[in-house]
């Protein structure tokens, strides 16, 4: 018997996140054990009149390529990847890993080469998004692996996931529309600011924002959602930051990351665990040492660290920053094959200042902003 919350989620993804209608060309890409949700979405998309297709990845293939592939093979970008980015007008990405650490034993240099090979896809994909010709959404349906990373049973993680996706509401689509209106106030407020200062333990960082737009993440790109983000001015980040939670990228966990910025560039970097990997990724290309994203988490229903960035970057009372690729939709210009999110928790002794005025303390915004 299928979980009724899954049917609700399918409706959110089809009718709200991707706005699927007659003639919509929808690609559903599945990585891992997300077959049940893929079928529910596919069925509903067909009922809405979409031209839908499902593509399934085979677990383990990526590990084989990274461990046995030559540099030429790692630099190969499959023609169908560019075709998919060009031809579909909606893309749903279902990521349900059976092993979250599958790539932890792979050579960082090879991972970097593969990332560089994806640059043409990244440019095409996000260029079409900026032009309003592509909608996309990413979600992580519950698996044993995700539950174990979060220190939960599978049942507990399922409850956590569907609650974060607002699927326990009678009408989750209506619930997400309420979220969208509330967050829009904050996004508009921040879009008028020239500078943000972040102060927390071992952190004093100033980020330039002049001319940049904050984007309201309201369930139309990630599910669950709950953040507002921008791409900072490329040469206007100054100071130091210590990231509270471990950061995980390509199956590796890097702990106690500390970065120092001058004129927008990372000039010092350290980590208590996997520091070499951190430096390898920061050396991916010239853009990898600059901030591509600055964001504020505002989903106070996500209140615990899960080691899955899709959830953790939305935790209410946190900020996250990504080194690497910027978002053209927010005015960002930084280009990189890397986009690596890192989280700073402000709920105990942190604050955010906007143009010299405190707007958030201990993870809570000033009344009326959110």
Protein backbone atom coordinates (compact mmCIF):
# COMPACT_ATOMS: atom_id res chain seq x y z
CA UNK A 1 0.00 0.00 0.00
CA UNK A 2 1.47 3.36 -1.04
CA UNK A 3 1.99 6.14 1.47
CA UNK A 4 -0.76 8.80 0.90
CA UNK A 5 1.83 11.48 1.66
CA UNK A 6 3.70 10.36 -1.46
CA UNK A 7 0.65 11.11 -3.60
CA UNK A 8 0.44 14.55 -2.00
CA UNK A 9 4.11 15.14 -2.74
CA UNK A 10 3.62 14.12 -6.38
CA UNK A 11 0.90 16.75 -6.64
CA UNK A 12 3.17 19.40 -5.12
CA UNK A 13 5.98 18.56 -7.56
CA UNK A 14 3.76 18.42 -10.65
CA UNK A 15 1.25 21.21 -9.99
CA UNK A 16 3.30 23.63 -7.88
CA UNK A 17 7.06 23.13 -8.23
CA UNK A 18 7.18 22.42 -11.98
CA UNK A 19 3.76 23.73 -13.10
CA UNK A 20 3.23 20.83 -15.48
CA UNK A 21 0.45 21.26 -18.02
CA UNK A 22 -0.63 20.03 -21.47
CA UNK A 23 2.40 19.70 -23.73
CA UNK A 24 5.01 20.20 -21.00
CA UNK A 25 8.17 18.27 -21.82
CA UNK A 26 9.16 16.71 -18.50
CA UNK A 27 12.31 14.72 -17.76
CA UNK A 28 12.28 12.67 -14.55
CA UNK A 29 15.83 11.55 -13.74
CA UNK A 30 16.11 8.91 -11.04
CA UNK A 31 19.27 8.10 -9.13
CA UNK A 32 18.75 5.36 -6.55
CA UNK A 33 15.65 3.84 -5.00
CA UNK A 34 13.05 6.46 -5.94
CA UNK A 35 10.89 4.30 -8.19
CA UNK A 36 7.66 4.71 -6.22
CA UNK A 37 7.78 8.50 -6.28
CA UNK A 38 8.89 8.51 -9.94
CA UNK A 39 5.85 6.42 -10.86
CA UNK A 40 3.48 8.65 -8.88
CA UNK A 41 4.87 11.78 -10.56
CA UNK A 42 4.87 10.18 -14.02
CA UNK A 43 1.26 9.05 -13.69
CA UNK A 44 0.08 12.49 -12.58
CA UNK A 45 2.15 14.25 -15.26
CA UNK A 46 0.50 12.14 -17.95
CA UNK A 47 -2.91 13.03 -16.54
CA UNK A 48 -1.94 16.69 -16.84
CA UNK A 49 -1.13 16.18 -20.52
CA UNK A 50 2.67 16.26 -20.26
CA UNK A 51 5.16 14.65 -22.62
CA UNK A 52 7.11 12.87 -19.90
CA UNK A 53 10.16 10.61 -19.86
CA UNK A 54 11.91 8.72 -17.04
CA UNK A 55 15.68 8.10 -17.05
CA UNK A 56 17.17 5.76 -14.42
CA UNK A 57 20.82 5.80 -13.35
CA UNK A 58 22.54 2.54 -12.39
CA UNK A 59 24.08 2.55 -8.87
CA UNK A 60 27.85 2.06 -8.86
CA UNK A 61 28.55 3.29 -12.38
CA UNK A 62 29.90 6.63 -11.20
CA UNK A 63 32.33 4.92 -8.83
CA UNK A 64 33.61 2.67 -11.61
CA UNK A 65 34.25 5.64 -13.88
CA UNK A 66 36.11 7.60 -11.20
CA UNK A 67 38.26 4.64 -10.19
CA UNK A 68 38.99 3.13 -13.61
CA UNK A 69 38.39 5.87 -16.18
CA UNK A 70 41.20 7.64 -18.03
CA UNK A 71 41.46 11.43 -18.07
CA UNK A 72 39.92 11.42 -21.55
CA UNK A 73 37.01 9.31 -20.36
CA UNK A 74 36.47 11.55 -17.34
CA UNK A 75 36.41 14.56 -19.64
CA UNK A 76 33.69 13.08 -21.85
CA UNK A 77 30.30 14.79 -21.63
CA UNK A 78 27.60 12.52 -23.04
CA UNK A 79 25.78 14.22 -25.96
CA UNK A 80 22.42 13.21 -24.50
CA UNK A 81 23.14 15.30 -21.41
CA UNK A 82 23.30 18.46 -23.51
CA UNK A 83 20.29 17.33 -25.53
CA UNK A 84 18.24 16.87 -22.35
CA UNK A 85 19.26 20.29 -21.03
CA UNK A 86 18.29 21.84 -24.38
CA UNK A 87 15.05 20.03 -25.23
CA UNK A 88 13.08 19.59 -21.99
CA UNK A 89 11.31 22.49 -20.36
CA UNK A 90 10.97 20.80 -16.94
CA UNK A 91 13.41 18.53 -15.11
CA UNK A 92 12.70 16.65 -11.88
CA UNK A 93 15.74 15.13 -10.16
CA UNK A 94 15.02 12.33 -7.69
CA UNK A 95 18.11 11.42 -5.65
CA UNK A 96 17.63 8.43 -3.35
CA UNK A 97 21.10 7.02 -2.60
CA UNK A 98 21.61 3.53 -1.27
CA UNK A 99 25.12 4.51 -0.11
CA UNK A 100 25.86 8.17 0.61
CA UNK A 101 29.61 7.51 0.80
CA UNK A 102 29.96 5.59 -2.47
CA UNK A 103 32.52 8.06 -3.86
CA UNK A 104 34.53 8.62 -0.69
CA UNK A 105 37.43 6.49 -1.93
CA UNK A 106 37.72 8.18 -5.32
CA UNK A 107 40.62 10.42 -6.35
CA UNK A 108 39.73 14.13 -5.86
CA UNK A 109 41.72 15.01 -9.00
CA UNK A 110 39.48 12.76 -11.07
CA UNK A 111 36.36 14.23 -9.47
CA UNK A 112 37.66 17.66 -10.42
CA UNK A 113 38.19 16.59 -14.04
CA UNK A 114 34.67 15.27 -14.24
CA UNK A 115 33.31 18.51 -12.81
CA UNK A 116 35.18 20.53 -15.42
CA UNK A 117 33.70 18.37 -18.17
CA UNK A 118 30.21 19.39 -17.03
CA UNK A 119 30.78 23.11 -17.57
CA UNK A 120 28.98 23.24 -20.97
CA UNK A 121 25.98 21.48 -19.41
CA UNK A 122 25.97 23.87 -16.44
CA UNK A 123 26.10 26.91 -18.73
CA UNK A 124 23.28 25.63 -20.93
CA UNK A 125 21.08 24.40 -18.07
CA UNK A 126 21.24 27.55 -15.94
CA UNK A 127 21.20 29.83 -18.98
CA UNK A 128 17.87 28.35 -20.05
CA UNK A 129 16.60 28.67 -16.48
CA UNK A 130 17.54 32.37 -16.39
CA UNK A 131 15.74 32.89 -19.72
CA UNK A 132 12.58 31.31 -18.30
CA UNK A 133 12.69 28.32 -20.62
CA UNK A 134 13.50 25.64 -18.04
CA UNK A 135 12.00 24.74 -14.67
CA UNK A 136 13.64 22.19 -12.41
CA UNK A 137 13.28 20.68 -8.96
CA UNK A 138 15.46 18.39 -6.83
CA UNK A 139 14.36 16.16 -3.95
CA UNK A 140 15.81 13.32 -1.87
CA UNK A 141 13.12 10.67 -1.23
CA UNK A 142 13.72 8.72 2.00
CA UNK A 143 16.13 5.77 1.98
CA UNK A 144 17.82 3.72 4.67
CA UNK A 145 21.12 5.41 3.80
CA UNK A 146 19.74 8.92 4.29
CA UNK A 147 18.04 7.87 7.53
CA UNK A 148 21.28 6.39 8.87
CA UNK A 149 23.24 9.56 8.04
CA UNK A 150 20.64 11.57 9.96
CA UNK A 151 20.72 9.19 12.97
CA UNK A 152 17.06 8.24 12.47
CA UNK A 153 15.11 5.11 11.72
CA UNK A 154 13.60 4.95 8.24
CA UNK A 155 10.15 5.63 9.66
CA UNK A 156 11.41 8.66 11.59
CA UNK A 157 13.15 9.99 8.51
CA UNK A 158 10.02 9.52 6.39
CA UNK A 159 8.01 11.52 8.94
CA UNK A 160 10.73 14.20 8.98
CA UNK A 161 10.84 14.35 5.17
CA UNK A 162 7.11 14.57 4.52
CA UNK A 163 6.64 17.06 7.34
CA UNK A 164 9.39 19.27 5.87
CA UNK A 165 7.67 19.00 2.48
CA UNK A 166 4.37 20.13 4.12
CA UNK A 167 2.71 16.91 3.02
CA UNK A 168 0.94 16.58 6.36
CA UNK A 169 -1.14 19.66 5.48
CA UNK A 170 -4.61 19.04 4.11
CA UNK A 171 -3.66 20.98 0.97
CA UNK A 172 0.16 21.08 0.66
CA UNK A 173 0.06 23.16 -2.54
CA UNK A 174 -1.84 25.89 -0.70
CA UNK A 175 0.57 25.59 2.23
CA UNK A 176 3.58 26.19 -0.04
CA UNK A 177 1.89 29.25 -1.54
CA UNK A 178 1.61 30.72 1.96
CA UNK A 179 5.33 30.03 2.48
CA UNK A 180 6.12 31.73 -0.84
CA UNK A 181 4.31 34.94 0.15
CA UNK A 182 5.96 35.07 3.58
CA UNK A 183 9.49 34.55 2.27
CA UNK A 184 9.00 37.07 -0.52
CA UNK A 185 8.93 39.87 2.07
CA UNK A 186 12.38 38.92 3.28
CA UNK A 187 13.78 38.49 -0.24
CA UNK A 188 12.59 41.95 -1.27
CA UNK A 189 13.99 43.51 1.89
CA UNK A 190 17.44 41.96 1.44
CA UNK A 191 17.55 42.79 -2.28
CA UNK A 192 17.70 46.47 -1.33
CA UNK A 193 20.79 46.05 0.84
CA UNK A 194 24.36 46.75 -0.19
CA UNK A 195 26.20 44.72 2.43
CA UNK A 196 25.67 41.97 4.97
CA UNK A 197 27.88 41.30 7.95
CA UNK A 198 27.86 37.91 9.63
CA UNK A 199 29.10 37.64 13.23
CA UNK A 200 29.34 34.33 15.14
CA UNK A 201 31.97 32.35 17.07
CA UNK A 202 35.23 32.50 15.03
CA UNK A 203 33.32 34.35 12.30
CA UNK A 204 33.31 37.98 11.20
CA UNK A 205 32.51 38.17 7.51
CA UNK A 206 31.30 41.03 5.31
CA UNK A 207 29.62 40.19 1.99
CA UNK A 208 28.99 42.80 -0.72
CA UNK A 209 25.56 42.61 -2.36
CA UNK A 210 25.14 45.89 -4.26
CA UNK A 211 23.02 45.34 -7.37
CA UNK A 212 22.33 41.69 -6.58
CA UNK A 213 18.89 40.13 -6.17
CA UNK A 214 17.78 37.71 -3.45
CA UNK A 215 15.81 34.80 -4.86
CA UNK A 216 12.87 33.34 -2.93
CA UNK A 217 13.31 29.56 -2.73
CA UNK A 218 9.75 28.49 -2.10
CA UNK A 219 9.55 24.87 -3.21
CA UNK A 220 10.04 25.45 -6.92
CA UNK A 221 13.68 24.33 -7.11
CA UNK A 222 14.18 22.15 -4.04
CA UNK A 223 11.72 20.06 -2.08
CA UNK A 224 11.68 20.62 0.83
CA UNK A 225 12.63 24.26 0.58
CA UNK A 226 12.92 27.37 2.70
CA UNK A 227 15.73 29.80 1.93
CA UNK A 228 16.44 33.12 0.25
CA UNK A 229 19.72 33.39 -1.64
CA UNK A 230 21.82 35.64 -3.79
CA UNK A 231 25.18 35.58 -5.55
CA UNK A 232 27.55 38.09 -3.90
CA UNK A 233 29.62 40.72 -5.70
CA UNK A 234 32.62 38.71 -6.80
CA UNK A 235 35.38 40.83 -5.24
CA UNK A 236 33.52 42.14 -2.17
CA UNK A 237 33.77 39.41 0.49
CA UNK A 238 36.12 40.17 3.38
CA UNK A 239 36.90 38.46 6.67
CA UNK A 240 36.77 35.00 8.16
CA UNK A 241 34.13 32.33 8.62
CA UNK A 242 34.00 29.05 10.52
CA UNK A 243 31.40 26.59 9.29
CA UNK A 244 29.53 24.93 12.14
CA UNK A 245 28.55 21.61 10.62
CA UNK A 246 30.65 19.10 8.67
CA UNK A 247 30.41 19.69 4.93
CA UNK A 248 30.00 16.75 2.58
CA UNK A 249 30.87 16.75 -1.10
CA UNK A 250 31.29 13.85 -3.51
CA UNK A 251 30.97 11.39 -0.64
CA UNK A 252 33.65 12.99 1.54
CA UNK A 253 33.06 14.61 4.91
CA UNK A 254 35.17 17.67 5.68
CA UNK A 255 34.97 18.87 9.27
CA UNK A 256 35.55 22.27 10.92
CA UNK A 257 36.10 24.22 7.70
CA UNK A 258 37.56 27.72 8.16
CA UNK A 259 38.01 30.17 5.31
CA UNK A 260 39.59 33.62 5.11
CA UNK A 261 38.55 35.96 2.28
CA UNK A 262 40.34 38.99 0.87
CA UNK A 263 38.91 40.97 -2.05
CA UNK A 264 36.39 38.19 -2.58
CA UNK A 265 38.90 35.33 -2.80
CA UNK A 266 39.70 32.51 -0.37
CA UNK A 267 43.29 33.16 0.68
CA UNK A 268 43.42 30.74 3.63
CA UNK A 269 41.58 27.47 4.15
CA UNK A 270 41.80 24.80 6.81
CA UNK A 271 39.83 21.80 8.05
CA UNK A 272 40.19 19.36 10.93
CA UNK A 273 39.34 16.44 8.65
CA UNK A 274 40.03 15.94 4.91
CA UNK A 275 41.85 19.25 4.54
CA UNK A 276 43.69 18.03 1.45
CA UNK A 277 40.36 17.36 -0.26
CA UNK A 278 39.20 20.88 0.65
CA UNK A 279 42.24 22.38 -1.07
CA UNK A 280 41.82 20.12 -4.10
CA UNK A 281 38.27 21.37 -4.61
CA UNK A 282 39.21 25.02 -4.05
CA UNK A 283 41.79 24.59 -6.81
CA UNK A 284 39.24 23.24 -9.30
CA UNK A 285 39.42 26.45 -11.34
CA UNK A 286 39.89 30.20 -10.69
CA UNK A 287 36.23 30.68 -9.76
CA UNK A 288 36.26 27.98 -7.09
CA UNK A 289 37.83 30.32 -4.52
CA UNK A 290 35.07 32.93 -4.76
CA UNK A 291 31.57 32.89 -3.31
CA UNK A 292 28.87 31.92 -5.76
CA UNK A 293 26.06 31.96 -3.20
CA UNK A 294 25.07 33.54 0.10
CA UNK A 295 21.78 32.32 1.57
CA UNK A 296 19.66 32.41 4.70
CA UNK A 297 17.81 29.29 5.90
CA UNK A 298 14.24 30.04 6.97
CA UNK A 299 12.53 26.66 7.30
CA UNK A 300 12.12 26.40 11.06
CA UNK A 301 10.44 23.02 10.60
CA UNK A 302 13.86 21.62 9.69
CA UNK A 303 15.56 21.83 13.07
CA UNK A 304 18.22 19.12 13.01
CA UNK A 305 21.42 18.37 11.10
CA UNK A 306 21.01 15.39 8.74
CA UNK A 307 24.27 15.43 6.70
CA UNK A 308 22.13 15.98 3.57
CA UNK A 309 22.65 19.48 2.23
CA UNK A 310 19.20 19.64 0.65
CA UNK A 311 17.72 19.68 4.17
CA UNK A 312 20.52 21.23 6.21
CA UNK A 313 20.90 24.42 4.17
CA UNK A 314 17.24 25.22 4.90
CA UNK A 315 17.52 24.97 8.71
CA UNK A 316 15.86 28.05 10.18
CA UNK A 317 18.46 30.23 11.90
CA UNK A 318 21.42 29.28 9.70
CA UNK A 319 23.17 30.80 6.73
CA UNK A 320 25.02 28.92 4.05
CA UNK A 321 27.56 29.96 1.49
CA UNK A 322 28.78 28.15 -1.59
CA UNK A 323 32.20 28.53 -3.10
CA UNK A 324 32.20 28.31 -6.87
CA UNK A 325 29.47 28.69 -9.43
CA UNK A 326 27.17 31.70 -9.10
CA UNK A 327 23.54 31.99 -10.16
CA UNK A 328 22.81 34.28 -13.14
CA UNK A 329 19.22 34.63 -11.92
CA UNK A 330 20.56 36.45 -8.85
CA UNK A 331 22.98 38.62 -10.85
CA UNK A 332 25.99 36.39 -10.21
CA UNK A 333 28.88 36.33 -12.65
CA UNK A 334 31.34 33.90 -11.07
CA UNK A 335 31.92 30.81 -13.16
CA UNK A 336 33.21 27.50 -11.85
CA UNK A 337 32.70 23.77 -12.18
CA UNK A 338 32.39 23.71 -8.38
CA UNK A 339 29.39 24.66 -6.26
CA UNK A 340 29.94 23.57 -2.66
CA UNK A 341 27.54 24.63 0.10
CA UNK A 342 28.76 25.13 3.68
CA UNK A 343 26.58 25.99 6.70
CA UNK A 344 27.07 28.39 9.60
CA UNK A 345 24.66 28.06 12.54
CA UNK A 346 23.60 31.36 14.12
CA UNK A 347 21.13 29.99 16.68
CA UNK A 348 23.55 30.29 19.59
CA UNK A 349 25.35 33.59 19.67
CA UNK A 350 25.23 34.71 16.04
CA UNK A 351 23.79 37.73 14.28
CA UNK A 352 23.21 39.18 10.83
CA UNK A 353 23.62 42.87 10.08
CA UNK A 354 22.30 44.46 6.88
CA UNK A 355 23.81 47.86 6.02
CA UNK A 356 24.89 48.22 9.63
CA UNK A 357 21.56 47.30 11.23
CA UNK A 358 20.97 44.04 13.13
CA UNK A 359 18.16 42.10 11.43
CA UNK A 360 18.63 38.68 13.05
CA UNK A 361 19.98 37.50 16.42
CA UNK A 362 20.34 33.94 17.66
CA UNK A 363 18.64 32.68 14.52
CA UNK A 364 15.47 34.80 14.81
CA UNK A 365 14.59 37.68 12.51
CA UNK A 366 13.32 41.06 13.57
CA UNK A 367 9.53 41.12 13.66
CA UNK A 368 7.89 41.79 10.32
CA UNK A 369 10.73 40.54 8.12
CA UNK A 370 9.55 36.94 7.83
